[in-house]
């Protein structure tokens, strides 16, 4: 489902070269849940952003669901992302001038979904916000905003979900509720999930934990199965 081959990312800061990722290679099979961990500056969010096609690597290739994305034009990448990738941001990234319903409608309408409104309402009901459809982000708590963001990420039923510290701006209890929701939707839709987190308790819920340090993979561990009847492979 996801293949990263010899991926490197280098930038220039204050006139000096800085290596963010250094020859990273990994494969993530379909429907697996993966936590990416590591200290600040280890390259976690950069790796996730490259997987989403939000930036281009200095070297290497990324293949998602059979498509090599690093050579796609911006317009083709945007179309591919809309069909194949859901992305959850730490800071929610909701459109402040749109209601909860309208925020979830955006990707559905862009994809030409004829039943966009009904599907958006159903998703918001699924995440427990059926009574908040007409509320704007400023009228919602942090946990409610993240639930809208989760519904939006799942709106087009993407085979791949990428989440960058989705509980980082939430208190512990709310954060774990969000993770319960994300994992329930993962099970319902069979989504491949890659999640960046600093929280070891959240990482322990995944099938697999990949640790980065200084832009390289430090460890890659398959965890014991996390749910009754669910394989960790």
C-alpha atoms as a PDB file:
ATOM      1  CA  UNK A   1       0.000   0.000   0.000  1.00  0.00           C
ATOM      2  CA  UNK A   2       2.789   2.438   0.941  1.00  0.00           C
ATOM      3  CA  UNK A   3       6.380   1.987  -0.247  1.00  0.00           C
ATOM      4  CA  UNK A   4       9.100   4.494   0.621  1.00  0.00           C
ATOM      5  CA  UNK A   5      12.410   3.905  -1.132  1.00  0.00           C
ATOM      6  CA  UNK A   6      15.707   5.610  -0.243  1.00  0.00           C
ATOM      7  CA  UNK A   7      13.915   8.804   0.725  1.00  0.00           C
ATOM      8  CA  UNK A   8      16.027  11.834   1.610  1.00  0.00           C
ATOM      9  CA  UNK A   9      15.107  15.428   2.359  1.00  0.00           C
ATOM     10  CA  UNK A  10      17.706  18.163   2.635  1.00  0.00           C
ATOM     11  CA  UNK A  11      17.188  21.889   3.116  1.00  0.00           C
ATOM     12  CA  UNK A  12      19.393  24.935   3.491  1.00  0.00           C
ATOM     13  CA  UNK A  13      19.144  26.928   6.723  1.00  0.00           C
ATOM     14  CA  UNK A  14      21.271  30.000   7.399  1.00  0.00           C
ATOM     15  CA  UNK A  15      23.386  29.082   4.393  1.00  0.00           C
ATOM     16  CA  UNK A  16      24.149  25.611   5.715  1.00  0.00           C
ATOM     17  CA  UNK A  17      22.762  22.270   4.462  1.00  0.00           C
ATOM     18  CA  UNK A  18      20.438  20.470   6.884  1.00  0.00           C
ATOM     19  CA  UNK A  19      19.458  16.830   6.467  1.00  0.00           C
ATOM     20  CA  UNK A  20      15.876  16.153   7.596  1.00  0.00           C
ATOM     21  CA  UNK A  21      15.525  12.602   6.273  1.00  0.00           C
ATOM     22  CA  UNK A  22      18.438  10.398   5.287  1.00  0.00           C
ATOM     23  CA  UNK A  23      17.895   7.349   3.033  1.00  0.00           C
ATOM     24  CA  UNK A  24      14.640   6.120   4.617  1.00  0.00           C
ATOM     25  CA  UNK A  25      13.178   2.899   3.207  1.00  0.00           C
ATOM     26  CA  UNK A  26      10.029   1.194   4.508  1.00  0.00           C
ATOM     27  CA  UNK A  27       6.868  -0.596   3.401  1.00  0.00           C
ATOM     28  CA  UNK A  28       3.429  -0.454   5.000  1.00  0.00           C
ATOM     29  CA  UNK A  29       0.894  -3.064   3.889  1.00  0.00           C
ATOM     30  CA  UNK A  30      -2.783  -2.378   3.345  1.00  0.00           C
ATOM     31  CA  UNK A  31      -4.923  -1.884   6.487  1.00  0.00           C
ATOM     32  CA  UNK A  32      -1.941  -1.731   8.850  1.00  0.00           C
ATOM     33  CA  UNK A  33      -1.857   0.932  11.570  1.00  0.00           C
ATOM     34  CA  UNK A  34       1.555   2.501  12.157  1.00  0.00           C
ATOM     35  CA  UNK A  35       2.813   5.000  14.728  1.00  0.00           C
ATOM     36  CA  UNK A  36       5.851   7.087  13.788  1.00  0.00           C
ATOM     37  CA  UNK A  37       7.729   8.298  16.854  1.00  0.00           C
ATOM     38  CA  UNK A  38      10.955  10.097  17.665  1.00  0.00           C
ATOM     39  CA  UNK A  39      12.304  13.265  19.265  1.00  0.00           C
ATOM     40  CA  UNK A  40      11.567  16.714  17.864  1.00  0.00           C
ATOM     41  CA  UNK A  41      13.536  17.265  14.689  1.00  0.00           C
ATOM     42  CA  UNK A  42      13.811  13.561  13.878  1.00  0.00           C
ATOM     43  CA  UNK A  43      11.880  13.950  10.605  1.00  0.00           C
ATOM     44  CA  UNK A  44       8.489  12.499  11.601  1.00  0.00           C
ATOM     45  CA  UNK A  45       6.228  15.239  10.241  1.00  0.00           C
ATOM     46  CA  UNK A  46       8.434  15.685   7.178  1.00  0.00           C
ATOM     47  CA  UNK A  47       8.051  11.992   6.351  1.00  0.00           C
ATOM     48  CA  UNK A  48       4.274  12.214   6.736  1.00  0.00           C
ATOM     49  CA  UNK A  49       4.077  15.348   4.594  1.00  0.00           C
ATOM     50  CA  UNK A  50       6.106  13.684   1.857  1.00  0.00           C
ATOM     51  CA  UNK A  51       3.799  10.654   1.961  1.00  0.00           C
ATOM     52  CA  UNK A  52       0.884  13.044   1.440  1.00  0.00           C
ATOM     53  CA  UNK A  53       2.595  14.729  -1.495  1.00  0.00           C
ATOM     54  CA  UNK A  54       2.609  18.070   0.337  1.00  0.00           C
ATOM     55  CA  UNK A  55       6.303  18.452  -0.489  1.00  0.00           C
ATOM     56  CA  UNK A  56       8.851  16.802  -2.773  1.00  0.00           C
ATOM     57  CA  UNK A  57      11.867  14.868  -1.503  1.00  0.00           C
ATOM     58  CA  UNK A  58      15.447  15.660  -2.428  1.00  0.00           C
ATOM     59  CA  UNK A  59      15.906  12.032  -3.456  1.00  0.00           C
ATOM     60  CA  UNK A  60      14.009   8.761  -3.407  1.00  0.00           C
ATOM     61  CA  UNK A  61      10.505   7.629  -4.323  1.00  0.00           C
ATOM     62  CA  UNK A  62       7.132   7.085  -2.655  1.00  0.00           C
ATOM     63  CA  UNK A  63       4.499   4.733  -4.036  1.00  0.00           C
ATOM     64  CA  UNK A  64       0.949   4.882  -2.670  1.00  0.00           C
ATOM     65  CA  UNK A  65      -1.679   2.336  -3.691  1.00  0.00           C
ATOM     66  CA  UNK A  66       0.334   1.470  -6.804  1.00  0.00           C
ATOM     67  CA  UNK A  67       1.053   5.055  -7.911  1.00  0.00           C
ATOM     68  CA  UNK A  68       4.517   6.598  -7.682  1.00  0.00           C
ATOM     69  CA  UNK A  69       3.648  10.082  -6.420  1.00  0.00           C
ATOM     70  CA  UNK A  70       6.980  11.892  -6.377  1.00  0.00           C
ATOM     71  CA  UNK A  71       6.871  12.426 -10.145  1.00  0.00           C
ATOM     72  CA  UNK A  72       3.259  13.644 -10.324  1.00  0.00           C
ATOM     73  CA  UNK A  73       2.488  17.227 -11.299  1.00  0.00           C
ATOM     74  CA  UNK A  74       0.839  19.415  -8.650  1.00  0.00           C
ATOM     75  CA  UNK A  75      -2.574  19.137 -10.324  1.00  0.00           C
ATOM     76  CA  UNK A  76      -2.378  15.359 -10.650  1.00  0.00           C
ATOM     77  CA  UNK A  77      -1.115  15.084  -7.082  1.00  0.00           C
ATOM     78  CA  UNK A  78      -4.049  17.157  -5.825  1.00  0.00           C
ATOM     79  CA  UNK A  79      -6.497  14.891  -7.668  1.00  0.00           C
ATOM     80  CA  UNK A  80      -4.745  11.766  -6.368  1.00  0.00           C
ATOM     81  CA  UNK A  81      -4.691  13.103  -2.799  1.00  0.00           C
ATOM     82  CA  UNK A  82      -8.399  13.883  -2.934  1.00  0.00           C
ATOM     83  CA  UNK A  83      -9.208  10.307  -3.987  1.00  0.00           C
ATOM     84  CA  UNK A  84      -6.672   8.343  -1.973  1.00  0.00           C
ATOM     85  CA  UNK A  85      -5.485  10.239   1.114  1.00  0.00           C
ATOM     86  CA  UNK A  86      -7.155  11.606   4.222  1.00  0.00           C
ATOM     87  CA  UNK A  87      -5.020  13.936   6.344  1.00  0.00           C
ATOM     88  CA  UNK A  88      -5.604  14.995   9.955  1.00  0.00           C
ATOM     89  CA  UNK A  89      -3.625  17.967  11.260  1.00  0.00           C
ATOM     90  CA  UNK A  90      -2.658  18.664  14.863  1.00  0.00           C
ATOM     91  CA  UNK A  91      -4.163  22.162  14.642  1.00  0.00           C
ATOM     92  CA  UNK A  92      -7.400  20.962  12.968  1.00  0.00           C
ATOM     93  CA  UNK A  93      -7.069  23.269   9.897  1.00  0.00           C
ATOM     94  CA  UNK A  94     -10.807  23.788   9.581  1.00  0.00           C
ATOM     95  CA  UNK A  95     -12.018  26.630   7.375  1.00  0.00           C
ATOM     96  CA  UNK A  96     -13.206  29.207   9.954  1.00  0.00           C
ATOM     97  CA  UNK A  97     -15.883  30.757   7.741  1.00  0.00           C
ATOM     98  CA  UNK A  98     -17.585  27.402   7.095  1.00  0.00           C
ATOM     99  CA  UNK A  99     -19.837  25.418   9.413  1.00  0.00           C
ATOM    100  CA  UNK A 100     -18.978  21.893  10.550  1.00  0.00           C
ATOM    101  CA  UNK A 101     -21.197  20.495   7.800  1.00  0.00           C
ATOM    102  CA  UNK A 102     -19.694  22.767   5.146  1.00  0.00           C
ATOM    103  CA  UNK A 103     -16.137  21.806   6.195  1.00  0.00           C
ATOM    104  CA  UNK A 104     -16.925  18.116   5.655  1.00  0.00           C
ATOM    105  CA  UNK A 105     -18.757  18.895   2.423  1.00  0.00           C
ATOM    106  CA  UNK A 106     -15.684  20.479   0.805  1.00  0.00           C
ATOM    107  CA  UNK A 107     -13.820  17.279  -0.229  1.00  0.00           C
ATOM    108  CA  UNK A 108     -17.064  15.540  -1.174  1.00  0.00           C
ATOM    109  CA  UNK A 109     -18.168  18.346  -3.464  1.00  0.00           C
ATOM    110  CA  UNK A 110     -14.702  18.618  -5.016  1.00  0.00           C
ATOM    111  CA  UNK A 111     -14.884  14.900  -5.831  1.00  0.00           C
ATOM    112  CA  UNK A 112     -18.283  15.349  -7.484  1.00  0.00           C
ATOM    113  CA  UNK A 113     -20.166  13.183  -4.997  1.00  0.00           C
ATOM    114  CA  UNK A 114     -23.860  13.404  -5.857  1.00  0.00           C
ATOM    115  CA  UNK A 115     -24.876  12.476  -2.314  1.00  0.00           C
ATOM    116  CA  UNK A 116     -22.372  14.832  -0.670  1.00  0.00           C
ATOM    117  CA  UNK A 117     -24.712  16.453   1.857  1.00  0.00           C
ATOM    118  CA  UNK A 118     -26.289  13.208   3.048  1.00  0.00           C
ATOM    119  CA  UNK A 119     -22.874  11.583   3.391  1.00  0.00           C
ATOM    120  CA  UNK A 120     -21.437  14.560   5.279  1.00  0.00           C
ATOM    121  CA  UNK A 121     -24.362  14.558   7.710  1.00  0.00           C
ATOM    122  CA  UNK A 122     -23.967  10.816   8.258  1.00  0.00           C
ATOM    123  CA  UNK A 123     -20.253  11.205   8.991  1.00  0.00           C
ATOM    124  CA  UNK A 124     -20.836  14.009  11.474  1.00  0.00           C
ATOM    125  CA  UNK A 125     -23.480  11.895  13.190  1.00  0.00           C
ATOM    126  CA  UNK A 126     -20.986   9.014  13.293  1.00  0.00           C
ATOM    127  CA  UNK A 127     -18.452  11.205  15.119  1.00  0.00           C
ATOM    128  CA  UNK A 128     -21.117  12.426  17.546  1.00  0.00           C
ATOM    129  CA  UNK A 129     -21.720  15.870  16.081  1.00  0.00           C
ATOM    130  CA  UNK A 130     -25.172  15.466  14.583  1.00  0.00           C
ATOM    131  CA  UNK A 131     -26.347  18.401  16.717  1.00  0.00           C
ATOM    132  CA  UNK A 132     -23.447  20.649  15.689  1.00  0.00           C
ATOM    133  CA  UNK A 133     -23.904  20.704  11.903  1.00  0.00           C
ATOM    134  CA  UNK A 134     -24.457  24.464  11.681  1.00  0.00           C
ATOM    135  CA  UNK A 135     -21.820  25.478  14.218  1.00  0.00           C
ATOM    136  CA  UNK A 136     -18.667  27.295  13.112  1.00  0.00           C
ATOM    137  CA  UNK A 137     -15.220  26.164  14.355  1.00  0.00           C
ATOM    138  CA  UNK A 138     -15.052  29.034  16.864  1.00  0.00           C
ATOM    139  CA  UNK A 139     -18.257  27.697  18.437  1.00  0.00           C
ATOM    140  CA  UNK A 140     -16.776  24.213  18.930  1.00  0.00           C
ATOM    141  CA  UNK A 141     -14.409  22.867  21.569  1.00  0.00           C
ATOM    142  CA  UNK A 142     -10.984  21.567  20.552  1.00  0.00           C
ATOM    143  CA  UNK A 143     -12.215  17.973  20.715  1.00  0.00           C
ATOM    144  CA  UNK A 144     -15.260  18.820  18.610  1.00  0.00           C
ATOM    145  CA  UNK A 145     -13.116  20.591  16.032  1.00  0.00           C
ATOM    146  CA  UNK A 146     -10.869  17.561  15.767  1.00  0.00           C
ATOM    147  CA  UNK A 147     -13.914  15.324  15.317  1.00  0.00           C
ATOM    148  CA  UNK A 148     -14.980  17.525  12.391  1.00  0.00           C
ATOM    149  CA  UNK A 149     -11.442  17.175  11.018  1.00  0.00           C
ATOM    150  CA  UNK A 150     -11.652  13.381  11.385  1.00  0.00           C
ATOM    151  CA  UNK A 151     -14.992  13.314   9.559  1.00  0.00           C
ATOM    152  CA  UNK A 152     -13.537  15.471   6.784  1.00  0.00           C
ATOM    153  CA  UNK A 153     -10.480  13.202   6.457  1.00  0.00           C
ATOM    154  CA  UNK A 154     -12.726  10.140   6.058  1.00  0.00           C
ATOM    155  CA  UNK A 155     -15.272  11.916   3.823  1.00  0.00           C
ATOM    156  CA  UNK A 156     -14.130  10.375   0.528  1.00  0.00           C
ATOM    157  CA  UNK A 157     -13.455   6.942   2.082  1.00  0.00           C
ATOM    158  CA  UNK A 158      -9.700   7.190   1.383  1.00  0.00           C
ATOM    159  CA  UNK A 159      -7.652   3.973   1.487  1.00  0.00           C
ATOM    160  CA  UNK A 160      -4.865   5.869   3.291  1.00  0.00           C
ATOM    161  CA  UNK A 161      -5.186   8.072   6.371  1.00  0.00           C
ATOM    162  CA  UNK A 162      -2.243  10.180   7.570  1.00  0.00           C
ATOM    163  CA  UNK A 163      -2.455  11.905  10.949  1.00  0.00           C
ATOM    164  CA  UNK A 164       0.123  14.365  12.278  1.00  0.00           C
ATOM    165  CA  UNK A 165      -0.101  14.545  16.096  1.00  0.00           C
ATOM    166  CA  UNK A 166      -3.922  14.455  15.942  1.00  0.00           C
ATOM    167  CA  UNK A 167      -4.189  14.564  19.747  1.00  0.00           C
ATOM    168  CA  UNK A 168      -1.342  17.005  20.356  1.00  0.00           C
ATOM    169  CA  UNK A 169      -3.591  20.014  21.060  1.00  0.00           C
ATOM    170  CA  UNK A 170      -6.066  18.088  23.204  1.00  0.00           C
ATOM    171  CA  UNK A 171      -6.143  17.019  26.828  1.00  0.00           C
ATOM    172  CA  UNK A 172      -5.374  13.360  27.506  1.00  0.00           C
ATOM    173  CA  UNK A 173      -8.970  12.200  27.930  1.00  0.00           C
ATOM    174  CA  UNK A 174     -10.217  13.969  24.805  1.00  0.00           C
ATOM    175  CA  UNK A 175      -7.183  12.780  22.858  1.00  0.00           C
ATOM    176  CA  UNK A 176      -7.895   9.156  23.661  1.00  0.00           C
ATOM    177  CA  UNK A 177     -11.530   9.601  22.633  1.00  0.00           C
ATOM    178  CA  UNK A 178     -10.347  10.939  19.298  1.00  0.00           C
ATOM    179  CA  UNK A 179      -8.060   7.912  18.887  1.00  0.00           C
ATOM    180  CA  UNK A 180     -10.932   5.535  19.714  1.00  0.00           C
ATOM    181  CA  UNK A 181     -12.924   7.262  16.975  1.00  0.00           C
ATOM    182  CA  UNK A 182     -10.101   7.119  14.423  1.00  0.00           C
ATOM    183  CA  UNK A 183      -9.481   3.430  15.102  1.00  0.00           C
ATOM    184  CA  UNK A 184     -13.208   2.635  14.882  1.00  0.00           C
ATOM    185  CA  UNK A 185     -13.378   4.328  11.474  1.00  0.00           C
ATOM    186  CA  UNK A 186     -10.175   2.507  10.440  1.00  0.00           C
ATOM    187  CA  UNK A 187     -11.875  -0.798  11.243  1.00  0.00           C
ATOM    188  CA  UNK A 188     -15.106   0.178   9.468  1.00  0.00           C
ATOM    189  CA  UNK A 189     -13.411   1.336   6.267  1.00  0.00           C
ATOM    190  CA  UNK A 190     -10.253  -0.818   6.233  1.00  0.00           C
ATOM    191  CA  UNK A 191      -8.053   2.277   6.024  1.00  0.00           C
ATOM    192  CA  UNK A 192      -4.268   2.112   6.198  1.00  0.00           C
ATOM    193  CA  UNK A 193      -3.308   4.463   9.050  1.00  0.00           C
ATOM    194  CA  UNK A 194       0.038   6.213   9.593  1.00  0.00           C
ATOM    195  CA  UNK A 195       0.109   8.415  12.663  1.00  0.00           C
ATOM    196  CA  UNK A 196       2.827  10.682  14.065  1.00  0.00           C
ATOM    197  CA  UNK A 197       2.717  10.864  17.847  1.00  0.00           C
ATOM    198  CA  UNK A 198       4.804  11.517  20.967  1.00  0.00           C
ATOM    199  CA  UNK A 199       2.322   9.582  23.105  1.00  0.00           C
ATOM    200  CA  UNK A 200       3.490   6.033  23.829  1.00  0.00           C
ATOM    201  CA  UNK A 201       0.028   5.041  25.054  1.00  0.00           C
ATOM    202  CA  UNK A 202      -1.415   5.975  21.661  1.00  0.00           C
ATOM    203  CA  UNK A 203       1.461   4.280  19.832  1.00  0.00           C
ATOM    204  CA  UNK A 204       0.731   1.083  21.764  1.00  0.00           C
ATOM    205  CA  UNK A 205      -2.691   0.925  20.073  1.00  0.00           C
ATOM    206  CA  UNK A 206      -1.082   0.542  16.642  1.00  0.00           C
ATOM    207  CA  UNK A 207       0.032  -2.627  14.875  1.00  0.00           C
ATOM    208  CA  UNK A 208       3.532  -1.250  14.410  1.00  0.00           C
ATOM    209  CA  UNK A 209       5.824   1.455  15.767  1.00  0.00           C
ATOM    210  CA  UNK A 210       8.593   3.041  13.672  1.00  0.00           C
ATOM    211  CA  UNK A 211      11.066   5.224  15.559  1.00  0.00           C
ATOM    212  CA  UNK A 212      13.090   7.910  13.782  1.00  0.00           C
ATOM    213  CA  UNK A 213      16.219   9.610  15.026  1.00  0.00           C
ATOM    214  CA  UNK A 214      18.316  12.143  13.112  1.00  0.00           C
ATOM    215  CA  UNK A 215      16.351  11.443   9.936  1.00  0.00           C
ATOM    216  CA  UNK A 216      16.928   7.686   9.955  1.00  0.00           C
ATOM    217  CA  UNK A 217      14.892   4.694  11.093  1.00  0.00           C
ATOM    218  CA  UNK A 218      16.183   3.744  14.520  1.00  0.00           C
ATOM    219  CA  UNK A 219      13.782   0.853  15.115  1.00  0.00           C
ATOM    220  CA  UNK A 220      10.773  -0.801  13.471  1.00  0.00           C
ATOM    221  CA  UNK A 221       8.663  -2.986  15.763  1.00  0.00           C
ATOM    222  CA  UNK A 222       5.545  -5.060  15.179  1.00  0.00           C
ATOM    223  CA  UNK A 223       3.455  -4.980  18.352  1.00  0.00           C
ATOM    224  CA  UNK A 224       1.345  -7.822  19.747  1.00  0.00           C
ATOM    225  CA  UNK A 225      -2.160  -7.741  18.357  1.00  0.00           C
ATOM    226  CA  UNK A 226      -4.085  -4.813  19.757  1.00  0.00           C
ATOM    227  CA  UNK A 227      -7.639  -6.155  19.561  1.00  0.00           C
ATOM    228  CA  UNK A 228      -9.308  -9.532  19.942  1.00  0.00           C
ATOM    229  CA  UNK A 229      -9.253 -11.353  16.627  1.00  0.00           C
ATOM    230  CA  UNK A 230      -7.111  -8.714  14.887  1.00  0.00           C
ATOM    231  CA  UNK A 231      -3.720  -9.645  13.524  1.00  0.00           C
ATOM    232  CA  UNK A 232      -0.733  -7.321  13.939  1.00  0.00           C
ATOM    233  CA  UNK A 233       0.651  -8.268  10.543  1.00  0.00           C
END
